Amino acid sequence: MVDILEKIKTIIFRLKEEELPTYVYQCLKCTAKFEKKQGYHDAPLEECPDPDCGGKVARVIQATPFYFKKEGLRAEKQKDGSRIYS
């Protein structure tokens, strides 16, 4: 019974971990980039994970991916030469 409960806990933990956003950090000292899965309310990392460096890190702002679910964005040319996007 204990083994089953442990397996269930492991599966739930993995599912929650997959849902977490991935943040990219860069060390200000050694310029190494790395990723970390964190919750929205978790405090940002402050120190480089490289034990030889130990420098401060900053979160890297990146463009978020987005996908069109249907045909996508279409540009229609108007009579006056302007375009309307729909």
N, C-alpha and C. Protein backbone atom coordinates (compact mmCIF):
# COMPACT_ATOMS: atom_id res chain seq x y z
N MET A 1 0.82 -1.20 0.00
CA MET A 1 0.00 0.00 0.00
C MET A 1 0.86 1.26 0.00
N VAL A 2 1.95 1.24 0.76
CA VAL A 2 2.84 2.39 0.83
C VAL A 2 3.51 2.65 -0.52
N ASP A 3 3.87 1.57 -1.22
CA ASP A 3 4.50 1.71 -2.54
C ASP A 3 3.56 2.39 -3.53
N ILE A 4 2.29 2.05 -3.47
CA ILE A 4 1.31 2.66 -4.37
C ILE A 4 1.17 4.15 -4.09
N LEU A 5 1.11 4.51 -2.82
CA LEU A 5 1.01 5.93 -2.46
C LEU A 5 2.24 6.71 -2.91
N GLU A 6 3.41 6.13 -2.78
CA GLU A 6 4.63 6.79 -3.22
C GLU A 6 4.63 6.99 -4.74
N LYS A 7 4.15 5.98 -5.47
CA LYS A 7 4.08 6.09 -6.93
C LYS A 7 3.10 7.19 -7.34
N ILE A 8 1.97 7.27 -6.65
CA ILE A 8 0.98 8.31 -6.95
C ILE A 8 1.57 9.69 -6.68
N LYS A 9 2.27 9.84 -5.55
CA LYS A 9 2.92 11.13 -5.22
C LYS A 9 3.94 11.51 -6.28
N THR A 10 4.71 10.54 -6.75
CA THR A 10 5.71 10.80 -7.78
C THR A 10 5.06 11.26 -9.07
N ILE A 11 3.98 10.61 -9.47
CA ILE A 11 3.27 10.99 -10.71
C ILE A 11 2.70 12.39 -10.59
N ILE A 12 2.07 12.71 -9.46
CA ILE A 12 1.50 14.05 -9.26
C ILE A 12 2.59 15.09 -9.27
N PHE A 13 3.73 14.83 -8.63
CA PHE A 13 4.84 15.78 -8.61
C PHE A 13 5.35 16.03 -10.02
N ARG A 14 5.49 14.98 -10.83
CA ARG A 14 5.96 15.13 -12.21
C ARG A 14 4.99 15.96 -13.04
N LEU A 15 3.68 15.71 -12.85
CA LEU A 15 2.69 16.48 -13.59
C LEU A 15 2.76 17.95 -13.22
N LYS A 16 2.89 18.25 -11.94
CA LYS A 16 2.98 19.65 -11.51
C LYS A 16 4.25 20.29 -12.04
N GLU A 17 5.36 19.55 -12.05
CA GLU A 17 6.63 20.08 -12.52
C GLU A 17 6.57 20.41 -14.02
N GLU A 18 5.85 19.59 -14.80
CA GLU A 18 5.72 19.84 -16.23
C GLU A 18 4.92 21.09 -16.52
N GLU A 19 4.01 21.46 -15.62
CA GLU A 19 3.17 22.64 -15.82
C GLU A 19 3.89 23.94 -15.46
N LEU A 20 5.00 23.86 -14.77
CA LEU A 20 5.71 25.06 -14.34
C LEU A 20 6.37 25.76 -15.53
N PRO A 21 6.38 27.09 -15.51
CA PRO A 21 7.08 27.81 -16.57
C PRO A 21 8.59 27.67 -16.43
N THR A 22 9.28 27.73 -17.56
CA THR A 22 10.73 27.64 -17.57
C THR A 22 11.30 29.04 -17.73
N TYR A 23 12.17 29.44 -16.82
CA TYR A 23 12.81 30.75 -16.87
C TYR A 23 14.26 30.58 -17.29
N VAL A 24 14.76 31.54 -18.04
CA VAL A 24 16.16 31.53 -18.48
C VAL A 24 16.90 32.57 -17.65
N TYR A 25 18.04 32.16 -17.12
CA TYR A 25 18.89 33.05 -16.33
C TYR A 25 20.26 33.15 -16.99
N GLN A 26 20.95 34.26 -16.73
CA GLN A 26 22.32 34.42 -17.20
C GLN A 26 23.16 34.97 -16.06
N CYS A 27 24.32 34.35 -15.89
CA CYS A 27 25.25 34.80 -14.86
C CYS A 27 25.92 36.09 -15.32
N LEU A 28 26.00 37.06 -14.44
CA LEU A 28 26.62 38.34 -14.77
C LEU A 28 28.14 38.27 -14.70
N LYS A 29 28.67 37.21 -14.07
CA LYS A 29 30.12 37.07 -13.92
C LYS A 29 30.72 36.19 -15.02
N CYS A 30 30.18 34.98 -15.19
CA CYS A 30 30.76 34.05 -16.18
C CYS A 30 29.96 34.00 -17.48
N THR A 31 28.86 34.73 -17.57
CA THR A 31 27.96 34.85 -18.73
C THR A 31 27.31 33.52 -19.15
N ALA A 32 27.32 32.52 -18.28
CA ALA A 32 26.66 31.25 -18.60
C ALA A 32 25.14 31.42 -18.54
N LYS A 33 24.44 30.77 -19.48
CA LYS A 33 22.98 30.78 -19.47
C LYS A 33 22.48 29.41 -19.03
N PHE A 34 21.38 29.42 -18.28
CA PHE A 34 20.78 28.16 -17.84
C PHE A 34 19.28 28.37 -17.63
N GLU A 35 18.55 27.27 -17.64
CA GLU A 35 17.10 27.29 -17.47
C GLU A 35 16.73 26.70 -16.12
N LYS A 36 15.61 27.19 -15.58
CA LYS A 36 15.11 26.69 -14.31
C LYS A 36 13.59 26.71 -14.33
N LYS A 37 12.96 25.57 -14.02
CA LYS A 37 11.50 25.53 -13.91
C LYS A 37 11.13 26.04 -12.53
N GLN A 38 10.26 27.07 -12.51
CA GLN A 38 9.85 27.65 -11.24
C GLN A 38 8.38 28.03 -11.30
N GLY A 39 7.76 28.09 -10.14
CA GLY A 39 6.39 28.57 -10.05
C GLY A 39 6.35 30.09 -10.19
N TYR A 40 5.16 30.61 -10.44
CA TYR A 40 5.02 32.05 -10.64
C TYR A 40 5.37 32.84 -9.38
N HIS A 41 5.12 32.25 -8.23
CA HIS A 41 5.35 32.96 -6.98
C HIS A 41 6.69 32.63 -6.32
N ASP A 42 7.49 31.80 -6.97
CA ASP A 42 8.82 31.48 -6.43
C ASP A 42 9.75 32.68 -6.58
N ALA A 43 10.63 32.84 -5.62
CA ALA A 43 11.60 33.93 -5.70
C ALA A 43 12.61 33.65 -6.82
N PRO A 44 13.01 34.67 -7.57
CA PRO A 44 14.00 34.44 -8.62
C PRO A 44 15.34 34.02 -8.04
N LEU A 45 16.10 33.26 -8.83
CA LEU A 45 17.43 32.84 -8.39
C LEU A 45 18.35 34.04 -8.27
N GLU A 46 19.32 33.94 -7.38
CA GLU A 46 20.24 35.06 -7.16
C GLU A 46 21.69 34.69 -7.42
N GLU A 47 22.01 33.39 -7.40
CA GLU A 47 23.40 32.97 -7.48
C GLU A 47 23.60 31.93 -8.58
N CYS A 48 24.73 32.02 -9.26
CA CYS A 48 25.08 31.09 -10.34
C CYS A 48 25.23 29.68 -9.76
N PRO A 49 24.65 28.67 -10.46
CA PRO A 49 24.74 27.30 -9.95
C PRO A 49 26.13 26.69 -10.08
N ASP A 50 27.03 27.31 -10.85
CA ASP A 50 28.40 26.82 -11.00
C ASP A 50 29.15 27.07 -9.69
N PRO A 51 29.61 26.02 -9.02
CA PRO A 51 30.28 26.20 -7.73
C PRO A 51 31.58 27.01 -7.82
N ASP A 52 32.22 27.01 -8.99
CA ASP A 52 33.46 27.78 -9.14
C ASP A 52 33.21 29.26 -9.36
N CYS A 53 32.00 29.61 -9.78
CA CYS A 53 31.70 31.01 -10.11
C CYS A 53 31.04 31.73 -8.93
N GLY A 54 29.80 31.34 -8.62
CA GLY A 54 29.08 31.97 -7.50
C GLY A 54 28.65 33.39 -7.77
N GLY A 55 28.66 33.84 -9.04
CA GLY A 55 28.26 35.20 -9.37
C GLY A 55 26.76 35.40 -9.30
N LYS A 56 26.34 36.65 -9.39
CA LYS A 56 24.92 36.98 -9.39
C LYS A 56 24.33 36.68 -10.76
N VAL A 57 23.03 36.32 -10.78
CA VAL A 57 22.36 36.01 -12.03
C VAL A 57 21.19 36.96 -12.24
N ALA A 58 20.81 37.13 -13.50
CA ALA A 58 19.67 37.94 -13.87
C ALA A 58 18.76 37.13 -14.77
N ARG A 59 17.46 37.33 -14.63
CA ARG A 59 16.50 36.64 -15.48
C ARG A 59 16.53 37.26 -16.87
N VAL A 60 16.59 36.42 -17.90
CA VAL A 60 16.64 36.89 -19.28
C VAL A 60 15.21 36.97 -19.80
N ILE A 61 14.84 38.13 -20.34
CA ILE A 61 13.51 38.30 -20.91
C ILE A 61 13.53 37.75 -22.33
N GLN A 62 12.59 36.87 -22.63
CA GLN A 62 12.52 36.27 -23.95
C GLN A 62 11.11 36.39 -24.50
N ALA A 63 11.01 36.33 -25.81
CA ALA A 63 9.69 36.34 -26.44
C ALA A 63 8.98 35.04 -26.14
N THR A 64 7.70 35.13 -25.87
CA THR A 64 6.93 33.93 -25.60
C THR A 64 6.40 33.36 -26.91
N PRO A 65 6.40 32.05 -27.06
CA PRO A 65 5.88 31.47 -28.30
C PRO A 65 4.36 31.56 -28.33
N PHE A 66 3.81 31.72 -29.51
CA PHE A 66 2.37 31.69 -29.66
C PHE A 66 2.03 30.97 -30.96
N TYR A 67 0.86 30.41 -31.00
CA TYR A 67 0.46 29.60 -32.13
C TYR A 67 -0.92 30.02 -32.60
N PHE A 68 -1.12 30.02 -33.91
CA PHE A 68 -2.43 30.27 -34.47
C PHE A 68 -3.18 28.95 -34.52
N LYS A 69 -4.40 28.92 -34.01
CA LYS A 69 -5.15 27.68 -33.98
C LYS A 69 -5.89 27.42 -35.27
N LYS A 70 -6.15 28.44 -36.04
CA LYS A 70 -6.87 28.25 -37.29
C LYS A 70 -5.94 28.56 -38.44
N GLU A 71 -6.43 29.25 -39.44
CA GLU A 71 -5.63 29.53 -40.63
C GLU A 71 -4.48 30.49 -40.35
N GLY A 72 -4.65 31.33 -39.36
CA GLY A 72 -3.58 32.26 -39.04
C GLY A 72 -3.94 33.69 -39.38
N LEU A 73 -2.95 34.54 -39.32
CA LEU A 73 -3.14 35.96 -39.55
C LEU A 73 -3.12 36.22 -41.05
N ARG A 74 -4.14 36.93 -41.52
CA ARG A 74 -4.22 37.24 -42.95
C ARG A 74 -4.18 38.74 -43.14
N ALA A 75 -3.50 39.17 -44.15
CA ALA A 75 -3.45 40.58 -44.51
C ALA A 75 -4.30 40.79 -45.75
N GLU A 76 -5.24 41.72 -45.64
CA GLU A 76 -6.08 42.05 -46.79
C GLU A 76 -5.74 43.45 -47.26
N LYS A 77 -5.45 43.58 -48.51
CA LYS A 77 -5.09 44.87 -49.07
C LYS A 77 -6.36 45.65 -49.42
N GLN A 78 -6.41 46.90 -48.99
CA GLN A 78 -7.54 47.77 -49.27
C GLN A 78 -7.31 48.55 -50.56
N LYS A 79 -8.37 49.21 -51.03
CA LYS A 79 -8.27 49.99 -52.27
C LYS A 79 -7.26 51.13 -52.16
N ASP A 80 -7.12 51.71 -50.97
CA ASP A 80 -6.18 52.83 -50.80
C ASP A 80 -4.74 52.37 -50.56
N GLY A 81 -4.50 51.08 -50.62
CA GLY A 81 -3.15 50.55 -50.45
C GLY A 81 -2.82 50.11 -49.04
N SER A 82 -3.65 50.46 -48.06
CA SER A 82 -3.41 50.04 -46.68
C SER A 82 -3.82 48.58 -46.51
N ARG A 83 -3.41 47.99 -45.41
CA ARG A 83 -3.72 46.59 -45.16
C ARG A 83 -4.49 46.46 -43.85
N ILE A 84 -5.39 45.50 -43.84
CA ILE A 84 -6.14 45.16 -42.63
C ILE A 84 -5.75 43.75 -42.28
N TYR A 85 -5.39 43.55 -41.00
CA TYR A 85 -5.00 42.22 -40.54
C TYR A 85 -6.15 41.61 -39.75
N SER A 86 -6.49 40.38 -40.09
CA SER A 86 -7.58 39.71 -39.37
C SER A 86 -7.21 38.26 -39.11
